N, C-alpha and C. Protein backbone atom coordinates (compact mmCIF):
# COMPACT_ATOMS: atom_id res chain seq x y z
N MET A 1 0.83 -1.18 0.00
CA MET A 1 0.00 0.00 0.00
C MET A 1 0.88 1.24 0.00
N VAL A 2 0.33 2.31 -0.54
CA VAL A 2 0.96 3.62 -0.56
C VAL A 2 -0.04 4.60 0.02
N VAL A 3 0.44 5.56 0.80
CA VAL A 3 -0.44 6.56 1.40
C VAL A 3 -0.02 7.94 0.90
N SER A 4 -1.01 8.74 0.52
CA SER A 4 -0.73 10.10 0.04
C SER A 4 -1.66 11.09 0.71
N GLY A 5 -1.33 12.35 0.61
CA GLY A 5 -2.17 13.41 1.14
C GLY A 5 -1.87 14.70 0.41
N GLY A 6 -2.80 15.65 0.46
CA GLY A 6 -2.56 16.89 -0.26
C GLY A 6 -3.57 17.97 0.03
N GLU A 7 -3.73 18.86 -0.94
CA GLU A 7 -4.59 20.04 -0.81
C GLU A 7 -6.06 19.71 -0.55
N ASP A 8 -6.51 18.53 -0.95
CA ASP A 8 -7.93 18.18 -0.78
C ASP A 8 -8.26 17.75 0.65
N LYS A 9 -7.29 17.81 1.58
CA LYS A 9 -7.46 17.51 3.00
C LYS A 9 -7.61 16.02 3.29
N ALA A 10 -7.50 15.19 2.28
CA ALA A 10 -7.71 13.75 2.44
C ALA A 10 -6.37 13.01 2.55
N VAL A 11 -6.41 11.93 3.30
CA VAL A 11 -5.32 10.96 3.35
C VAL A 11 -5.82 9.76 2.56
N ILE A 12 -5.13 9.43 1.48
CA ILE A 12 -5.62 8.39 0.57
C ILE A 12 -4.69 7.18 0.62
N VAL A 13 -5.30 6.01 0.73
CA VAL A 13 -4.56 4.74 0.74
C VAL A 13 -4.75 4.09 -0.62
N TRP A 14 -3.62 3.75 -1.25
CA TRP A 14 -3.63 3.16 -2.59
C TRP A 14 -3.10 1.74 -2.56
N ASP A 15 -3.65 0.87 -3.40
CA ASP A 15 -3.11 -0.46 -3.61
C ASP A 15 -1.92 -0.32 -4.57
N LEU A 16 -0.75 -0.68 -4.12
CA LEU A 16 0.46 -0.49 -4.91
C LEU A 16 0.47 -1.35 -6.17
N LYS A 17 -0.11 -2.52 -6.09
CA LYS A 17 -0.11 -3.44 -7.24
C LYS A 17 -1.09 -3.01 -8.33
N THR A 18 -2.28 -2.58 -7.94
CA THR A 18 -3.32 -2.26 -8.92
C THR A 18 -3.40 -0.77 -9.23
N GLY A 19 -2.88 0.08 -8.33
CA GLY A 19 -2.99 1.52 -8.50
C GLY A 19 -4.35 2.07 -8.13
N LYS A 20 -5.22 1.22 -7.57
CA LYS A 20 -6.57 1.65 -7.21
C LYS A 20 -6.60 2.20 -5.79
N MET A 21 -7.50 3.18 -5.59
CA MET A 21 -7.69 3.77 -4.29
C MET A 21 -8.44 2.79 -3.39
N LEU A 22 -7.89 2.53 -2.19
CA LEU A 22 -8.53 1.65 -1.23
C LEU A 22 -9.41 2.42 -0.26
N SER A 23 -8.97 3.63 0.10
CA SER A 23 -9.72 4.42 1.07
C SER A 23 -9.32 5.89 0.97
N SER A 24 -10.29 6.76 1.18
CA SER A 24 -10.04 8.19 1.28
C SER A 24 -10.54 8.63 2.65
N MET A 25 -9.61 9.08 3.49
CA MET A 25 -9.94 9.39 4.87
C MET A 25 -9.79 10.89 5.10
N LYS A 26 -10.81 11.50 5.67
CA LYS A 26 -10.76 12.94 5.93
C LYS A 26 -10.89 13.19 7.42
N GLN A 27 -9.88 13.85 7.94
CA GLN A 27 -9.89 14.28 9.34
C GLN A 27 -9.34 15.70 9.44
N HIS A 28 -8.44 16.06 8.55
CA HIS A 28 -7.85 17.40 8.55
C HIS A 28 -8.84 18.41 7.97
N THR A 29 -8.76 19.64 8.46
CA THR A 29 -9.58 20.72 7.92
C THR A 29 -8.76 21.65 7.03
N GLY A 30 -7.49 21.32 6.86
CA GLY A 30 -6.59 22.03 5.96
C GLY A 30 -5.80 21.01 5.17
N ALA A 31 -5.01 21.47 4.24
CA ALA A 31 -4.21 20.58 3.39
C ALA A 31 -3.32 19.68 4.24
N VAL A 32 -3.12 18.44 3.78
CA VAL A 32 -2.18 17.52 4.41
C VAL A 32 -0.80 17.87 3.87
N LEU A 33 0.09 18.30 4.75
CA LEU A 33 1.39 18.82 4.34
C LEU A 33 2.54 17.83 4.49
N CYS A 34 2.42 16.90 5.43
CA CYS A 34 3.52 15.97 5.66
C CYS A 34 2.98 14.69 6.27
N MET A 35 3.76 13.63 6.14
CA MET A 35 3.39 12.36 6.75
C MET A 35 4.61 11.50 6.93
N CYS A 36 4.50 10.56 7.86
CA CYS A 36 5.52 9.54 8.04
C CYS A 36 4.85 8.32 8.66
N THR A 37 5.58 7.23 8.74
CA THR A 37 5.03 5.99 9.28
C THR A 37 6.02 5.38 10.25
N ASP A 38 5.49 4.57 11.15
CA ASP A 38 6.37 3.82 12.05
C ASP A 38 6.82 2.52 11.37
N GLY A 39 6.34 2.29 10.14
CA GLY A 39 6.75 1.12 9.39
C GLY A 39 5.96 -0.15 9.70
N GLN A 40 5.03 -0.06 10.63
CA GLN A 40 4.30 -1.25 11.02
C GLN A 40 2.80 -1.03 11.16
N ARG A 41 2.41 -0.14 12.07
CA ARG A 41 0.99 -0.04 12.42
C ARG A 41 0.35 1.31 12.15
N TYR A 42 1.15 2.38 12.09
CA TYR A 42 0.56 3.72 12.04
C TYR A 42 1.18 4.61 10.97
N VAL A 43 0.34 5.52 10.46
CA VAL A 43 0.79 6.61 9.61
C VAL A 43 0.42 7.89 10.36
N TYR A 44 1.34 8.83 10.40
CA TYR A 44 1.12 10.11 11.07
C TYR A 44 1.08 11.20 10.00
N THR A 45 0.09 12.09 10.09
CA THR A 45 -0.03 13.17 9.12
C THR A 45 -0.06 14.51 9.85
N GLY A 46 0.51 15.52 9.21
CA GLY A 46 0.46 16.88 9.73
C GLY A 46 -0.19 17.77 8.69
N GLY A 47 -1.03 18.67 9.15
CA GLY A 47 -1.78 19.49 8.20
C GLY A 47 -1.64 20.98 8.41
N ALA A 48 -2.13 21.73 7.42
CA ALA A 48 -2.16 23.18 7.49
C ALA A 48 -3.09 23.65 8.60
N ASP A 49 -3.94 22.76 9.09
CA ASP A 49 -4.85 23.06 10.20
C ASP A 49 -4.15 22.97 11.56
N HIS A 50 -2.83 22.70 11.56
CA HIS A 50 -2.02 22.58 12.77
C HIS A 50 -2.31 21.30 13.54
N ASP A 51 -2.97 20.35 12.92
CA ASP A 51 -3.25 19.07 13.56
C ASP A 51 -2.24 18.02 13.13
N VAL A 52 -1.96 17.12 14.05
CA VAL A 52 -1.22 15.90 13.74
C VAL A 52 -2.18 14.75 14.02
N CYS A 53 -2.36 13.87 13.06
CA CYS A 53 -3.26 12.73 13.21
C CYS A 53 -2.46 11.43 13.17
N LYS A 54 -2.87 10.49 14.00
CA LYS A 54 -2.28 9.16 14.04
C LYS A 54 -3.32 8.19 13.46
N TRP A 55 -3.00 7.62 12.29
CA TRP A 55 -3.91 6.73 11.56
C TRP A 55 -3.49 5.29 11.73
N SER A 56 -4.44 4.42 12.03
CA SER A 56 -4.17 2.99 12.09
C SER A 56 -4.18 2.42 10.67
N ILE A 57 -3.12 1.74 10.30
CA ILE A 57 -3.06 1.11 8.98
C ILE A 57 -4.07 -0.05 8.92
N GLU A 58 -4.32 -0.70 10.04
CA GLU A 58 -5.24 -1.82 10.09
C GLU A 58 -6.70 -1.41 9.91
N THR A 59 -7.13 -0.36 10.62
CA THR A 59 -8.54 0.04 10.59
C THR A 59 -8.81 1.20 9.63
N LEU A 60 -7.74 1.89 9.18
CA LEU A 60 -7.85 3.06 8.31
C LEU A 60 -8.67 4.17 8.98
N LYS A 61 -8.50 4.31 10.29
CA LYS A 61 -9.19 5.34 11.06
C LYS A 61 -8.17 6.21 11.80
N CYS A 62 -8.54 7.46 12.01
CA CYS A 62 -7.71 8.37 12.81
C CYS A 62 -7.96 8.04 14.28
N GLU A 63 -6.93 7.58 14.97
CA GLU A 63 -7.08 7.20 16.38
C GLU A 63 -6.79 8.37 17.32
N VAL A 64 -5.92 9.28 16.90
CA VAL A 64 -5.58 10.43 17.73
C VAL A 64 -5.48 11.65 16.83
N ARG A 65 -6.05 12.76 17.28
CA ARG A 65 -5.92 14.04 16.57
C ARG A 65 -5.52 15.08 17.59
N LYS A 66 -4.43 15.78 17.35
CA LYS A 66 -3.91 16.75 18.31
C LYS A 66 -3.66 18.07 17.61
N PHE A 67 -4.18 19.14 18.18
CA PHE A 67 -3.98 20.49 17.65
C PHE A 67 -2.76 21.11 18.30
N PHE A 68 -1.90 21.77 17.50
CA PHE A 68 -0.75 22.49 18.00
C PHE A 68 -0.88 23.95 17.59
N ALA A 69 -0.81 24.85 18.56
CA ALA A 69 -0.96 26.28 18.29
C ALA A 69 0.38 26.87 17.84
N VAL A 70 0.82 26.42 16.67
CA VAL A 70 2.07 26.90 16.08
C VAL A 70 1.81 27.21 14.62
N SER A 71 2.74 27.90 13.98
CA SER A 71 2.53 28.29 12.59
C SER A 71 2.82 27.16 11.61
N ARG A 72 3.67 26.19 12.02
CA ARG A 72 4.02 25.11 11.11
C ARG A 72 4.12 23.79 11.87
N VAL A 73 3.68 22.73 11.23
CA VAL A 73 3.81 21.38 11.77
C VAL A 73 4.56 20.56 10.74
N GLY A 74 5.57 19.84 11.17
CA GLY A 74 6.31 18.95 10.29
C GLY A 74 6.51 17.62 10.97
N LEU A 75 6.72 16.58 10.22
CA LEU A 75 6.96 15.25 10.77
C LEU A 75 8.24 14.70 10.19
N GLY A 76 8.93 13.93 10.97
CA GLY A 76 10.15 13.30 10.49
C GLY A 76 10.30 11.93 11.11
N VAL A 77 11.19 11.15 10.57
CA VAL A 77 11.42 9.81 11.08
C VAL A 77 12.78 9.79 11.76
N GLY A 78 12.79 9.44 13.02
CA GLY A 78 14.02 9.32 13.78
C GLY A 78 14.27 7.88 14.16
N MET A 79 15.29 7.64 14.92
CA MET A 79 15.62 6.26 15.29
C MET A 79 14.58 5.62 16.19
N TRP A 80 13.72 6.43 16.83
CA TRP A 80 12.65 5.90 17.66
C TRP A 80 11.28 6.00 16.98
N GLY A 81 11.24 6.26 15.71
CA GLY A 81 9.97 6.36 14.99
C GLY A 81 9.69 7.78 14.56
N CYS A 82 8.41 8.08 14.38
CA CYS A 82 8.01 9.42 13.92
C CYS A 82 8.11 10.43 15.05
N VAL A 83 8.51 11.62 14.68
CA VAL A 83 8.54 12.73 15.64
C VAL A 83 7.90 13.95 15.01
N ALA A 84 7.23 14.74 15.82
CA ALA A 84 6.64 15.98 15.33
C ALA A 84 7.67 17.10 15.46
N VAL A 85 7.78 17.90 14.44
CA VAL A 85 8.67 19.06 14.45
C VAL A 85 7.77 20.28 14.38
N LEU A 86 7.77 21.08 15.41
CA LEU A 86 6.84 22.20 15.50
C LEU A 86 7.60 23.51 15.36
N GLY A 87 7.03 24.46 14.65
CA GLY A 87 7.64 25.78 14.51
C GLY A 87 6.69 26.85 14.98
N ILE A 88 7.23 28.00 15.33
CA ILE A 88 6.37 29.08 15.80
C ILE A 88 6.17 30.11 14.71
């Protein structure tokens, strides 16, 4: 599977073999700007709405949504998994 996000505020899961969309999930109220994965169970997305969402790959649902009162939200992958990078 491949996961994408963009200006339409959706996080989309694609079947890598067929190229078909498996799911379109909407939780952000602004564009999806960044994402990363822990490589096993979760995808994390950051949006223009200042939210970071934790998506279950198994259920394709947003399990946690957190608002950050900062001007920018970024995500990166470190040696311990995904980390949020917040800017003012």
